[in-house]
């Protein structure tokens, strides 16, 4: 009986505290019909709250991965903070790593003189993927970021390739 009284008193005190902590009102009467209040807290992860930028690492979602499982990717790196528009584009084709100078201002992006290392690709499909990626990068004049996707555009604003944020 004492145990039941303590539980009832504890519930009444909790109900009083949840109802605004107003000392001038009597505690609410506890009945069997009352349903406990439940709260679900959904916290957004820091990763999902972070907006993507051109400077993120971008992967080819349908690209052939290398024999070690690395998907082809590109990333723009600011190499000289004094030159606000000059950057270095680095990446991996699935076969060779590459790099080349890039100019970026607003939504414009142009890449030129991409240099590949000299690894021979294992398959003709891998060679074709590499040639296509380099051709698209060299034809890039602007870009659009939509959600987690980066689309590189040619001078006519036609999509060349779409990459996904890593």
Protein backbone atom coordinates (compact mmCIF):
# COMPACT_ATOMS: atom_id res chain seq x y z
CA UNK A 1 0.00 0.00 0.00
CA UNK A 2 2.85 2.36 0.89
CA UNK A 3 4.53 1.52 -2.43
CA UNK A 4 1.33 2.38 -4.36
CA UNK A 5 1.03 5.71 -2.50
CA UNK A 6 4.64 6.61 -3.34
CA UNK A 7 4.07 5.82 -7.04
CA UNK A 8 0.85 7.87 -7.10
CA UNK A 9 2.60 10.79 -5.37
CA UNK A 10 5.51 10.58 -7.81
CA UNK A 11 3.15 10.64 -10.82
CA UNK A 12 1.23 13.56 -9.38
CA UNK A 13 4.45 15.51 -8.79
CA UNK A 14 5.66 14.76 -12.36
CA UNK A 15 2.30 15.86 -13.80
CA UNK A 16 2.47 19.08 -11.80
CA UNK A 17 5.99 19.79 -13.03
CA UNK A 18 5.04 19.10 -16.66
CA UNK A 19 1.97 21.35 -16.49
CA UNK A 20 3.95 24.56 -16.19
CA UNK A 21 5.27 24.46 -12.60
CA UNK A 22 2.57 26.86 -11.40
CA UNK A 23 2.69 26.79 -7.58
CA UNK A 24 -0.74 28.42 -7.20
CA UNK A 25 -2.64 25.43 -8.62
CA UNK A 26 -3.27 22.10 -6.99
CA UNK A 27 -1.63 19.03 -8.55
CA UNK A 28 -3.73 17.42 -11.24
CA UNK A 29 -5.62 14.30 -10.25
CA UNK A 30 -4.05 11.16 -11.65
CA UNK A 31 -6.45 8.71 -13.25
CA UNK A 32 -5.98 5.46 -15.14
CA UNK A 33 -7.19 7.17 -18.35
CA UNK A 34 -4.15 9.48 -18.57
CA UNK A 35 -1.56 8.53 -21.17
CA UNK A 36 2.11 9.29 -20.52
CA UNK A 37 3.66 11.94 -22.77
CA UNK A 38 6.41 10.67 -25.08
CA UNK A 39 8.85 12.83 -26.98
CA UNK A 40 10.90 11.76 -29.96
CA UNK A 41 13.99 13.81 -30.68
CA UNK A 42 15.46 13.53 -34.17
CA UNK A 43 18.85 15.16 -34.32
CA UNK A 44 20.24 16.17 -37.69
CA UNK A 45 23.75 14.91 -38.17
CA UNK A 46 26.45 17.47 -38.84
CA UNK A 47 27.13 15.72 -42.17
CA UNK A 48 23.57 16.11 -43.46
CA UNK A 49 23.44 19.78 -42.42
CA UNK A 50 26.64 20.66 -44.28
CA UNK A 51 25.93 22.09 -47.75
CA UNK A 52 28.05 20.72 -50.56
CA UNK A 53 30.33 23.01 -52.55
CA UNK A 54 32.40 22.72 -55.68
CA UNK A 55 35.39 22.03 -53.40
CA UNK A 56 33.98 18.73 -52.12
CA UNK A 57 35.17 15.42 -53.51
CA UNK A 58 32.88 14.31 -56.37
CA UNK A 59 32.64 10.70 -57.52
CA UNK A 60 31.34 9.11 -60.71
CA UNK A 61 28.47 7.02 -59.26
CA UNK A 62 28.35 4.67 -62.27
CA UNK A 63 32.08 4.70 -62.96
CA UNK A 64 34.11 1.52 -63.10
CA UNK A 65 36.08 1.26 -59.86
CA UNK A 66 39.79 0.53 -59.92
CA UNK A 67 41.04 -2.95 -59.03
CA UNK A 68 41.42 -1.71 -55.44
CA UNK A 69 37.78 -0.52 -55.36
CA UNK A 70 38.33 3.25 -55.64
CA UNK A 71 35.67 4.97 -57.75
CA UNK A 72 36.70 7.70 -60.17
CA UNK A 73 36.54 11.17 -58.62
CA UNK A 74 37.47 14.83 -59.04
CA UNK A 75 38.21 17.57 -56.54
CA UNK A 76 39.00 21.27 -56.95
CA UNK A 77 41.74 22.54 -54.65
CA UNK A 78 42.61 26.16 -53.86
CA UNK A 79 46.39 26.16 -54.30
CA UNK A 80 47.07 29.85 -53.87
CA UNK A 81 44.89 31.93 -51.57
CA UNK A 82 46.20 35.15 -53.14
CA UNK A 83 44.89 34.22 -56.63
CA UNK A 84 41.18 33.95 -55.99
CA UNK A 85 40.21 32.34 -59.31
CA UNK A 86 43.08 29.90 -59.92
CA UNK A 87 42.73 26.36 -58.66
CA UNK A 88 44.04 22.86 -59.23
CA UNK A 89 41.70 20.10 -60.37
CA UNK A 90 42.85 16.71 -59.15
CA UNK A 91 41.25 13.33 -59.58
CA UNK A 92 41.36 9.67 -60.38
CA UNK A 93 39.94 8.04 -63.51
CA UNK A 94 39.80 4.48 -62.16
CA UNK A 95 43.12 3.83 -63.83
CA UNK A 96 45.27 6.96 -63.64
CA UNK A 97 45.40 9.93 -61.34
CA UNK A 98 45.34 13.33 -63.02
CA UNK A 99 45.65 17.03 -62.34
CA UNK A 100 45.38 20.28 -64.19
CA UNK A 101 44.87 24.00 -63.70
CA UNK A 102 41.30 25.28 -63.38
CA UNK A 103 39.76 28.73 -63.43
CA UNK A 104 36.66 29.23 -61.32
CA UNK A 105 34.52 32.35 -60.98
CA UNK A 106 30.83 32.35 -60.09
CA UNK A 107 29.24 29.46 -61.98
CA UNK A 108 31.99 29.30 -64.60
CA UNK A 109 34.64 26.60 -64.44
CA UNK A 110 37.22 25.84 -67.09
CA UNK A 111 39.88 23.16 -66.97
CA UNK A 112 42.88 22.86 -69.26
CA UNK A 113 46.08 20.91 -69.76
CA UNK A 114 45.09 17.88 -67.68
CA UNK A 115 48.12 15.70 -67.03
CA UNK A 116 47.71 11.95 -66.44
CA UNK A 117 50.19 9.63 -64.80
CA UNK A 118 51.34 6.85 -67.13
CA UNK A 119 49.68 3.70 -65.74
CA UNK A 120 48.26 1.46 -68.45
CA UNK A 121 44.57 0.67 -67.94
CA UNK A 122 43.68 -3.03 -67.53
CA UNK A 123 40.70 -3.02 -69.86
CA UNK A 124 39.38 -1.16 -72.88
CA UNK A 125 36.28 -0.20 -70.82
CA UNK A 126 38.56 1.45 -68.27
CA UNK A 127 40.48 3.23 -71.05
CA UNK A 128 37.19 4.46 -72.54
CA UNK A 129 36.00 5.70 -69.13
CA UNK A 130 39.24 7.60 -68.61
CA UNK A 131 39.19 9.15 -72.10
CA UNK A 132 35.55 10.19 -71.65
CA UNK A 133 36.15 11.75 -68.22
CA UNK A 134 39.18 13.74 -69.44
CA UNK A 135 37.30 14.86 -72.59
CA UNK A 136 34.36 16.06 -70.45
CA UNK A 137 36.65 17.90 -68.04
CA UNK A 138 38.45 19.64 -70.90
CA UNK A 139 35.08 20.71 -72.38
CA UNK A 140 33.70 22.08 -69.10
CA UNK A 141 32.73 25.76 -69.10
CA UNK A 142 30.31 25.92 -66.15
CA UNK A 143 28.61 23.77 -63.55
CA UNK A 144 25.43 23.37 -61.54
CA UNK A 145 25.13 21.89 -58.06
CA UNK A 146 21.71 20.45 -57.29
CA UNK A 147 21.49 18.76 -53.90
CA UNK A 148 24.26 16.18 -53.77
CA UNK A 149 24.94 16.25 -57.52
CA UNK A 150 27.41 18.26 -59.58
CA UNK A 151 26.73 18.55 -63.30
CA UNK A 152 29.50 19.85 -65.52
CA UNK A 153 28.25 21.82 -68.55
CA UNK A 154 29.81 22.68 -71.89
CA UNK A 155 29.77 26.13 -73.55
CA UNK A 156 26.18 25.51 -74.78
CA UNK A 157 25.04 24.70 -71.21
CA UNK A 158 24.60 21.02 -72.16
CA UNK A 159 25.31 18.43 -69.47
CA UNK A 160 28.60 16.61 -69.94
CA UNK A 161 28.76 14.48 -66.82
CA UNK A 162 27.03 14.30 -63.44
CA UNK A 163 28.98 13.47 -60.30
CA UNK A 164 27.81 12.79 -56.75
CA UNK A 165 29.21 14.29 -53.52
CA UNK A 166 31.26 11.77 -51.58
